[in-house]
Amino acid sequence: MAIHITIHDVSPAWSREVESAIDLARAYGIRPALLVVPNFHGSAPLAEDPQFCARLRQLQAEGHEMYLHGFYHRARTWEEHASVHEARGFTSRARYAFAQKVVSGGEAEFSDVSRAEGLQRLDSGERVLRDAGLSIRGFVAPAWSMPAWVLGVLGERGYSFTEDHTRIYDPRANRSRVSVVLNYASRTPSRLLSSVAWCRVARSARRLLPARIAIHPADMRHALLRSEIASLLEWAQDDVVNSGSDLFS
């Protein structure tokens, strides 16, 4: 089955680590799609770094697809969330805790926005990437966490690729497919080791399902994860597709 490689959290905030990940993939003849964050955590605006924008245009010309990856890649604190959404009670707190503490480290941005706010962030993110000279080939919500309405909006806007933890989607054609995703978590030693174990086991699902390998810049800071990713890329290289849309073929 086909395999697609992505580098997440592409931002001036992670420029060195992103280059390390690109170099690692290049060693196996792979051109990963790049998931670009317009203003990572509100402190690394892409629009204010012309050198990084020029580098992204160069990578695009070399065949790397560019995907919009949220806007801030950061969710509100619980206090901010409760104030904006008037959220109260155990159910609201549990839902927030699952998205922001279990699924992510407070980075499931699109699970925390209203439809109006989400549309505004999509508009702003598209504008930032296009002003940087980038062609947007897909959208991926931070932490793969998005409400159902996002799919409809992406379809209306002509997006042909997005994904979550378990499926890939072509919103424009209103189709989806189950897909396994292999990625690492480095926030704590236990998460790091459990994610390594998961990827070693889950790669066997490739026999039945298209697969995705998601590289995060923080992975490049750990020798173990660099080694594991290199092993995955070597394992995948004969079946890699450059476009996420090719996973539907």
C-alpha atoms as a PDB file:
ATOM      1  CA  MET A   1       0.000   0.000   0.000  1.00  0.00           C
ATOM      2  CA  ALA A   2       1.029   3.600  -0.610  1.00  0.00           C
ATOM      3  CA  ILE A   3       2.770   5.636   2.100  1.00  0.00           C
ATOM      4  CA  HIS A   4       2.796   9.423   2.464  1.00  0.00           C
ATOM      5  CA  ILE A   5       5.373  11.365   4.477  1.00  0.00           C
ATOM      6  CA  THR A   6       4.749  14.735   6.123  1.00  0.00           C
ATOM      7  CA  ILE A   7       6.740  17.152   8.257  1.00  0.00           C
ATOM      8  CA  HIS A   8       4.499  18.949  10.741  1.00  0.00           C
ATOM      9  CA  ASP A   9       4.806  22.327  12.491  1.00  0.00           C
ATOM     10  CA  VAL A  10       6.823  23.943   9.707  1.00  0.00           C
ATOM     11  CA  SER A  11       7.593  27.404  11.052  1.00  0.00           C
ATOM     12  CA  PRO A  12      10.515  29.766  11.597  1.00  0.00           C
ATOM     13  CA  ALA A  13      10.298  28.621  15.224  1.00  0.00           C
ATOM     14  CA  TRP A  14      11.555  25.194  14.137  1.00  0.00           C
ATOM     15  CA  SER A  15      13.705  26.111  11.135  1.00  0.00           C
ATOM     16  CA  ARG A  16      16.780  24.120  12.163  1.00  0.00           C
ATOM     17  CA  GLU A  17      14.818  21.001  13.059  1.00  0.00           C
ATOM     18  CA  VAL A  18      12.720  21.216   9.888  1.00  0.00           C
ATOM     19  CA  GLU A  19      15.899  21.308   7.799  1.00  0.00           C
ATOM     20  CA  SER A  20      17.216  18.272   9.684  1.00  0.00           C
ATOM     21  CA  ALA A  21      14.013  16.369   8.934  1.00  0.00           C
ATOM     22  CA  ILE A  22      14.150  17.357   5.248  1.00  0.00           C
ATOM     23  CA  ASP A  23      17.768  16.208   5.038  1.00  0.00           C
ATOM     24  CA  LEU A  24      16.890  12.897   6.646  1.00  0.00           C
ATOM     25  CA  ALA A  25      14.059  12.286   4.180  1.00  0.00           C
ATOM     26  CA  ARG A  26      16.218  13.380   1.245  1.00  0.00           C
ATOM     27  CA  ALA A  27      18.710  10.631   2.101  1.00  0.00           C
ATOM     28  CA  TYR A  28      15.993   8.151   1.088  1.00  0.00           C
ATOM     29  CA  GLY A  29      14.875  10.055  -2.006  1.00  0.00           C
ATOM     30  CA  ILE A  30      11.698  11.299  -0.290  1.00  0.00           C
ATOM     31  CA  ARG A  31      10.115  14.754  -0.609  1.00  0.00           C
ATOM     32  CA  PRO A  32       7.727  15.106   2.356  1.00  0.00           C
ATOM     33  CA  ALA A  33       4.725  17.388   2.302  1.00  0.00           C
ATOM     34  CA  LEU A  34       5.282  20.368   4.595  1.00  0.00           C
ATOM     35  CA  LEU A  35       2.561  21.380   7.072  1.00  0.00           C
ATOM     36  CA  VAL A  36       3.025  25.122   7.463  1.00  0.00           C
ATOM     37  CA  VAL A  37       1.827  27.046  10.541  1.00  0.00           C
ATOM     38  CA  PRO A  38       1.205  30.752   9.761  1.00  0.00           C
ATOM     39  CA  ASN A  39       2.077  31.963  13.277  1.00  0.00           C
ATOM     40  CA  PHE A  40       3.304  29.164  15.534  1.00  0.00           C
ATOM     41  CA  HIS A  41       2.081  29.730  19.111  1.00  0.00           C
ATOM     42  CA  GLY A  42       1.479  33.364  18.219  1.00  0.00           C
ATOM     43  CA  SER A  43       5.195  34.152  18.365  1.00  0.00           C
ATOM     44  CA  ALA A  44       6.656  33.092  14.999  1.00  0.00           C
ATOM     45  CA  PRO A  45       4.765  34.869  12.204  1.00  0.00           C
ATOM     46  CA  LEU A  46       5.689  33.459   8.821  1.00  0.00           C
ATOM     47  CA  ALA A  47       4.970  36.794   7.150  1.00  0.00           C
ATOM     48  CA  GLU A  48       7.779  38.450   9.107  1.00  0.00           C
ATOM     49  CA  ASP A  49      10.483  36.015   7.993  1.00  0.00           C
ATOM     50  CA  PRO A  50      11.177  36.550   4.283  1.00  0.00           C
ATOM     51  CA  GLN A  51      14.197  34.238   4.347  1.00  0.00           C
ATOM     52  CA  PHE A  52      12.122  31.333   5.633  1.00  0.00           C
ATOM     53  CA  CYS A  53       9.390  32.097   3.077  1.00  0.00           C
ATOM     54  CA  ALA A  54      11.995  32.037   0.306  1.00  0.00           C
ATOM     55  CA  ARG A  55      13.210  28.663   1.565  1.00  0.00           C
ATOM     56  CA  LEU A  56       9.649  27.299   1.455  1.00  0.00           C
ATOM     57  CA  ARG A  57       9.206  28.535  -2.108  1.00  0.00           C
ATOM     58  CA  GLN A  58      12.434  26.774  -3.040  1.00  0.00           C
ATOM     59  CA  LEU A  59      11.222  23.533  -1.451  1.00  0.00           C
ATOM     60  CA  GLN A  60       7.884  23.876  -3.223  1.00  0.00           C
ATOM     61  CA  ALA A  61       9.708  24.230  -6.541  1.00  0.00           C
ATOM     62  CA  GLU A  62      11.597  21.032  -5.697  1.00  0.00           C
ATOM     63  CA  GLY A  63       8.329  19.121  -5.349  1.00  0.00           C
ATOM     64  CA  HIS A  64       7.322  19.409  -1.692  1.00  0.00           C
ATOM     65  CA  GLU A  65       3.583  19.968  -1.264  1.00  0.00           C
ATOM     66  CA  MET A  66       2.494  22.718   1.109  1.00  0.00           C
ATOM     67  CA  TYR A  67      -0.424  22.187   3.510  1.00  0.00           C
ATOM     68  CA  LEU A  68      -2.022  24.729   5.807  1.00  0.00           C
ATOM     69  CA  HIS A  69      -1.623  23.507   9.397  1.00  0.00           C
ATOM     70  CA  GLY A  70      -3.985  25.536  11.566  1.00  0.00           C
ATOM     71  CA  PHE A  71      -3.018  29.113  12.309  1.00  0.00           C
ATOM     72  CA  TYR A  72      -1.448  29.251  15.792  1.00  0.00           C
ATOM     73  CA  HIS A  73      -1.148  25.500  16.513  1.00  0.00           C
ATOM     74  CA  ARG A  74      -2.153  26.334  20.062  1.00  0.00           C
ATOM     75  CA  ALA A  75      -5.434  26.077  21.930  1.00  0.00           C
ATOM     76  CA  ARG A  76      -6.741  28.305  24.700  1.00  0.00           C
ATOM     77  CA  THR A  77      -6.162  27.558  28.359  1.00  0.00           C
ATOM     78  CA  TRP A  78      -9.160  26.074  30.164  1.00  0.00           C
ATOM     79  CA  GLU A  79      -9.927  29.441  31.728  1.00  0.00           C
ATOM     80  CA  GLU A  80      -9.882  31.159  28.338  1.00  0.00           C
ATOM     81  CA  HIS A  81     -11.912  28.336  26.811  1.00  0.00           C
ATOM     82  CA  ALA A  82     -14.560  28.478  29.546  1.00  0.00           C
ATOM     83  CA  SER A  83     -14.834  32.243  29.204  1.00  0.00           C
ATOM     84  CA  VAL A  84     -15.227  32.241  25.420  1.00  0.00           C
ATOM     85  CA  HIS A  85     -17.553  29.241  25.179  1.00  0.00           C
ATOM     86  CA  GLU A  86     -19.307  29.666  28.524  1.00  0.00           C
ATOM     87  CA  ALA A  87     -18.293  26.065  29.182  1.00  0.00           C
ATOM     88  CA  ARG A  88     -19.203  24.695  32.575  1.00  0.00           C
ATOM     89  CA  GLY A  89     -19.423  21.358  34.324  1.00  0.00           C
ATOM     90  CA  PHE A  90     -17.721  17.997  34.200  1.00  0.00           C
ATOM     91  CA  THR A  91     -18.606  17.131  30.581  1.00  0.00           C
ATOM     92  CA  SER A  92     -17.149  20.326  29.162  1.00  0.00           C
ATOM     93  CA  ARG A  93     -14.020  20.026  31.262  1.00  0.00           C
ATOM     94  CA  ALA A  94     -13.569  16.360  30.330  1.00  0.00           C
ATOM     95  CA  ARG A  95     -13.957  17.092  26.621  1.00  0.00           C
ATOM     96  CA  TYR A  96     -11.424  19.894  26.839  1.00  0.00           C
ATOM     97  CA  ALA A  97      -9.003  17.780  28.886  1.00  0.00           C
ATOM     98  CA  PHE A  98      -9.142  14.915  26.388  1.00  0.00           C
ATOM     99  CA  ALA A  99      -8.386  17.154  23.390  1.00  0.00           C
ATOM    100  CA  GLN A 100      -5.747  19.292  25.069  1.00  0.00           C
ATOM    101  CA  LYS A 101      -4.119  16.953  27.590  1.00  0.00           C
ATOM    102  CA  VAL A 102      -4.515  13.436  26.174  1.00  0.00           C
ATOM    103  CA  VAL A 103      -4.572  13.988  22.413  1.00  0.00           C
ATOM    104  CA  SER A 104      -2.159  16.924  22.474  1.00  0.00           C
ATOM    105  CA  GLY A 105      -0.124  19.152  24.716  1.00  0.00           C
ATOM    106  CA  GLY A 106      -2.581  22.025  24.475  1.00  0.00           C
ATOM    107  CA  GLU A 107      -2.208  22.257  20.689  1.00  0.00           C
ATOM    108  CA  ALA A 108      -5.513  20.918  19.323  1.00  0.00           C
ATOM    109  CA  GLU A 109      -6.344  24.383  18.011  1.00  0.00           C
ATOM    110  CA  PHE A 110      -9.363  23.610  15.836  1.00  0.00           C
ATOM    111  CA  SER A 111     -11.134  21.524  18.472  1.00  0.00           C
ATOM    112  CA  ASP A 112     -11.424  24.708  20.517  1.00  0.00           C
ATOM    113  CA  VAL A 113     -12.859  27.245  18.049  1.00  0.00           C
ATOM    114  CA  SER A 114     -16.356  28.173  17.005  1.00  0.00           C
ATOM    115  CA  ARG A 115     -17.308  27.863  13.356  1.00  0.00           C
ATOM    116  CA  ALA A 116     -17.011  31.632  12.867  1.00  0.00           C
ATOM    117  CA  GLU A 117     -13.592  31.757  14.488  1.00  0.00           C
ATOM    118  CA  GLY A 118     -12.441  28.686  12.575  1.00  0.00           C
ATOM    119  CA  LEU A 119     -13.463  30.255   9.288  1.00  0.00           C
ATOM    120  CA  GLN A 120     -11.568  33.400  10.195  1.00  0.00           C
ATOM    121  CA  ARG A 121      -8.425  31.379  10.959  1.00  0.00           C
ATOM    122  CA  LEU A 122      -8.734  29.472   7.696  1.00  0.00           C
ATOM    123  CA  ASP A 123      -9.097  32.746   5.798  1.00  0.00           C
ATOM    124  CA  SER A 124      -6.117  34.292   7.568  1.00  0.00           C
ATOM    125  CA  GLY A 125      -3.955  31.202   7.196  1.00  0.00           C
ATOM    126  CA  GLU A 126      -4.673  30.881   3.494  1.00  0.00           C
ATOM    127  CA  ARG A 127      -3.819  34.534   3.003  1.00  0.00           C
ATOM    128  CA  VAL A 128      -0.485  34.233   4.838  1.00  0.00           C
ATOM    129  CA  LEU A 129       0.625  31.200   2.821  1.00  0.00           C
ATOM    130  CA  ARG A 130      -0.466  32.662  -0.500  1.00  0.00           C
ATOM    131  CA  ASP A 131       1.194  36.001   0.265  1.00  0.00           C
ATOM    132  CA  ALA A 132       4.366  33.973   0.892  1.00  0.00           C
ATOM    133  CA  GLY A 133       4.071  32.570  -2.638  1.00  0.00           C
ATOM    134  CA  LEU A 134       2.912  29.105  -1.611  1.00  0.00           C
ATOM    135  CA  SER A 135       0.265  26.952  -3.297  1.00  0.00           C
ATOM    136  CA  ILE A 136      -1.901  25.266  -0.672  1.00  0.00           C
ATOM    137  CA  ARG A 137      -2.471  21.608  -1.528  1.00  0.00           C
ATOM    138  CA  GLY A 138      -4.245  20.486   1.639  1.00  0.00           C
ATOM    139  CA  PHE A 139      -5.228  21.288   5.216  1.00  0.00           C
ATOM    140  CA  VAL A 140      -4.350  19.354   8.374  1.00  0.00           C
ATOM    141  CA  ALA A 141      -5.701  20.458  11.745  1.00  0.00           C
ATOM    142  CA  PRO A 142      -3.159  20.603  14.583  1.00  0.00           C
ATOM    143  CA  ALA A 143      -3.148  17.337  16.550  1.00  0.00           C
ATOM    144  CA  TRP A 144      -5.424  15.931  13.794  1.00  0.00           C
ATOM    145  CA  SER A 145      -8.338  17.286  15.807  1.00  0.00           C
ATOM    146  CA  MET A 146     -11.192  19.045  13.986  1.00  0.00           C
ATOM    147  CA  PRO A 147     -14.984  19.276  14.302  1.00  0.00           C
ATOM    148  CA  ALA A 148     -17.135  17.765  11.557  1.00  0.00           C
ATOM    149  CA  TRP A 149     -18.066  21.131  10.044  1.00  0.00           C
ATOM    150  CA  VAL A 150     -14.478  21.659   8.890  1.00  0.00           C
ATOM    151  CA  LEU A 151     -14.804  18.926   6.261  1.00  0.00           C
ATOM    152  CA  GLY A 152     -17.751  20.661   4.634  1.00  0.00           C
ATOM    153  CA  VAL A 153     -15.949  23.994   4.557  1.00  0.00           C
ATOM    154  CA  LEU A 154     -12.827  22.431   3.059  1.00  0.00           C
ATOM    155  CA  GLY A 155     -14.964  20.826   0.371  1.00  0.00           C
ATOM    156  CA  GLU A 156     -16.576  24.152  -0.468  1.00  0.00           C
ATOM    157  CA  ARG A 157     -13.109  25.682  -0.799  1.00  0.00           C
ATOM    158  CA  GLY A 158     -11.899  22.964  -3.147  1.00  0.00           C
ATOM    159  CA  TYR A 159      -9.496  21.177  -0.809  1.00  0.00           C
ATOM    160  CA  SER A 160      -8.721  17.653  -1.987  1.00  0.00           C
ATOM    161  CA  PHE A 161      -6.835  16.415   1.077  1.00  0.00           C
ATOM    162  CA  THR A 162      -7.109  16.450   4.837  1.00  0.00           C
ATOM    163  CA  GLU A 163      -6.669  13.823   7.553  1.00  0.00           C
ATOM    164  CA  ASP A 164      -7.280  12.918  11.161  1.00  0.00           C
ATOM    165  CA  HIS A 165      -5.954  10.171  13.432  1.00  0.00           C
ATOM    166  CA  THR A 166      -7.676   7.328  11.604  1.00  0.00           C
ATOM    167  CA  ARG A 167      -8.766   8.477   8.137  1.00  0.00           C
ATOM    168  CA  ILE A 168      -7.751  10.455   5.095  1.00  0.00           C
ATOM    169  CA  TYR A 169     -10.322  12.637   3.331  1.00  0.00           C
ATOM    170  CA  ASP A 170     -10.931  14.206  -0.052  1.00  0.00           C
ATOM    171  CA  PRO A 171     -13.425  16.911   1.006  1.00  0.00           C
ATOM    172  CA  ARG A 172     -13.964  18.111  -2.552  1.00  0.00           C
ATOM    173  CA  ALA A 173     -15.078  14.660  -3.703  1.00  0.00           C
ATOM    174  CA  ASN A 174     -16.738  13.817  -0.357  1.00  0.00           C
ATOM    175  CA  ARG A 175     -14.814  10.587   0.119  1.00  0.00           C
ATOM    176  CA  SER A 176     -12.628   9.124   2.835  1.00  0.00           C
ATOM    177  CA  ARG A 177     -10.540   6.076   3.575  1.00  0.00           C
ATOM    178  CA  VAL A 178      -9.168   4.405   6.688  1.00  0.00           C
ATOM    179  CA  SER A 179      -5.426   4.930   7.007  1.00  0.00           C
ATOM    180  CA  VAL A 180      -2.838   4.152   9.672  1.00  0.00           C
ATOM    181  CA  VAL A 181      -0.641   6.987  10.918  1.00  0.00           C
ATOM    182  CA  LEU A 182       2.833   6.439  12.353  1.00  0.00           C
ATOM    183  CA  ASN A 183       4.177   9.247  14.493  1.00  0.00           C
ATOM    184  CA  TYR A 184       6.153   9.820  17.633  1.00  0.00           C
ATOM    185  CA  ALA A 185       5.422  11.717  20.841  1.00  0.00           C
ATOM    186  CA  SER A 186       8.353  13.174  22.761  1.00  0.00           C
ATOM    187  CA  ARG A 187       6.682  15.247  25.485  1.00  0.00           C
ATOM    188  CA  THR A 188       7.570  12.703  28.178  1.00  0.00           C
ATOM    189  CA  PRO A 189       9.861   9.649  28.259  1.00  0.00           C
ATOM    190  CA  SER A 190       6.873   7.323  28.633  1.00  0.00           C
ATOM    191  CA  ARG A 191       5.124   8.813  25.598  1.00  0.00           C
ATOM    192  CA  LEU A 192       8.337   8.606  23.606  1.00  0.00           C
ATOM    193  CA  LEU A 193       8.865   4.924  24.352  1.00  0.00           C
ATOM    194  CA  SER A 194       5.216   3.977  23.859  1.00  0.00           C
ATOM    195  CA  SER A 195       5.106   5.769  20.499  1.00  0.00           C
ATOM    196  CA  VAL A 196       8.230   3.909  19.377  1.00  0.00           C
ATOM    197  CA  ALA A 197       6.551   0.631  20.319  1.00  0.00           C
ATOM    198  CA  TRP A 198       3.356   1.659  18.494  1.00  0.00           C
ATOM    199  CA  CYS A 199       5.174   2.489  15.259  1.00  0.00           C
ATOM    200  CA  ARG A 200       7.104  -0.771  15.298  1.00  0.00           C
ATOM    201  CA  VAL A 201       3.866  -2.735  15.621  1.00  0.00           C
ATOM    202  CA  ALA A 202       1.533  -0.587  13.516  1.00  0.00           C
ATOM    203  CA  ARG A 203       3.714  -0.595  10.416  1.00  0.00           C
ATOM    204  CA  SER A 204       2.394  -4.078   9.659  1.00  0.00           C
ATOM    205  CA  ALA A 205      -1.018  -2.490   8.898  1.00  0.00           C
ATOM    206  CA  ARG A 206       0.545  -1.210   5.684  1.00  0.00           C
ATOM    207  CA  ARG A 207      -0.330  -4.575   4.108  1.00  0.00           C
ATOM    208  CA  LEU A 208      -4.008  -3.655   4.264  1.00  0.00           C
ATOM    209  CA  LEU A 209      -4.180   0.144   4.533  1.00  0.00           C
ATOM    210  CA  PRO A 210      -2.447   3.199   3.124  1.00  0.00           C
ATOM    211  CA  ALA A 211      -0.041   4.606   5.697  1.00  0.00           C
ATOM    212  CA  ARG A 212       1.155   8.020   6.795  1.00  0.00           C
ATOM    213  CA  ILE A 213       4.450   8.842   8.495  1.00  0.00           C
ATOM    214  CA  ALA A 214       4.306  12.144  10.389  1.00  0.00           C
ATOM    215  CA  ILE A 215       7.609  13.708  11.416  1.00  0.00           C
ATOM    216  CA  HIS A 216       7.575  16.480  14.016  1.00  0.00           C
ATOM    217  CA  PRO A 217      10.480  18.911  14.389  1.00  0.00           C
ATOM    218  CA  ALA A 218      10.886  18.017  18.064  1.00  0.00           C
ATOM    219  CA  ASP A 219      11.648  14.436  16.979  1.00  0.00           C
ATOM    220  CA  MET A 220      14.971  15.662  15.605  1.00  0.00           C
ATOM    221  CA  ARG A 221      16.124  16.501  19.143  1.00  0.00           C
ATOM    222  CA  HIS A 222      16.164  12.833  20.187  1.00  0.00           C
ATOM    223  CA  ALA A 223      18.774  10.412  18.843  1.00  0.00           C
ATOM    224  CA  LEU A 224      16.406   7.469  19.350  1.00  0.00           C
ATOM    225  CA  LEU A 225      13.649   9.082  17.313  1.00  0.00           C
ATOM    226  CA  ARG A 226      16.011  10.111  14.525  1.00  0.00           C
ATOM    227  CA  SER A 227      17.109   6.489  14.296  1.00  0.00           C
ATOM    228  CA  GLU A 228      13.525   5.192  14.367  1.00  0.00           C
ATOM    229  CA  ILE A 229      12.426   7.642  11.670  1.00  0.00           C
ATOM    230  CA  ALA A 230      15.374   6.674   9.472  1.00  0.00           C
ATOM    231  CA  SER A 231      14.324   3.042   9.836  1.00  0.00           C
ATOM    232  CA  LEU A 232      10.731   3.918   8.893  1.00  0.00           C
ATOM    233  CA  LEU A 233      11.825   5.902   5.848  1.00  0.00           C
ATOM    234  CA  GLU A 234      14.010   3.066   4.631  1.00  0.00           C
ATOM    235  CA  TRP A 235      11.102   0.651   5.144  1.00  0.00           C
ATOM    236  CA  ALA A 236       8.713   2.955   3.277  1.00  0.00           C
ATOM    237  CA  GLN A 237      10.812   4.379   0.465  1.00  0.00           C
ATOM    238  CA  ASP A 238       9.727   2.047  -2.359  1.00  0.00           C
ATOM    239  CA  ASP A 239       6.038   2.868  -1.835  1.00  0.00           C
ATOM    240  CA  VAL A 240       6.132   6.579  -1.002  1.00  0.00           C
ATOM    241  CA  VAL A 241       3.822   8.950  -2.866  1.00  0.00           C
ATOM    242  CA  ASN A 242       4.577  12.671  -2.932  1.00  0.00           C
ATOM    243  CA  SER A 243       0.943  13.785  -2.766  1.00  0.00           C
ATOM    244  CA  GLY A 244      -1.510  12.923  -0.018  1.00  0.00           C
ATOM    245  CA  SER A 245      -4.223  12.630  -2.671  1.00  0.00           C
ATOM    246  CA  ASP A 246      -2.350   9.668  -4.149  1.00  0.00           C
ATOM    247  CA  LEU A 247      -3.275   7.616  -1.080  1.00  0.00           C
ATOM    248  CA  PHE A 248      -6.718   7.243  -2.652  1.00  0.00           C
ATOM    249  CA  SER A 249      -5.319   5.592  -5.805  1.00  0.00           C
END
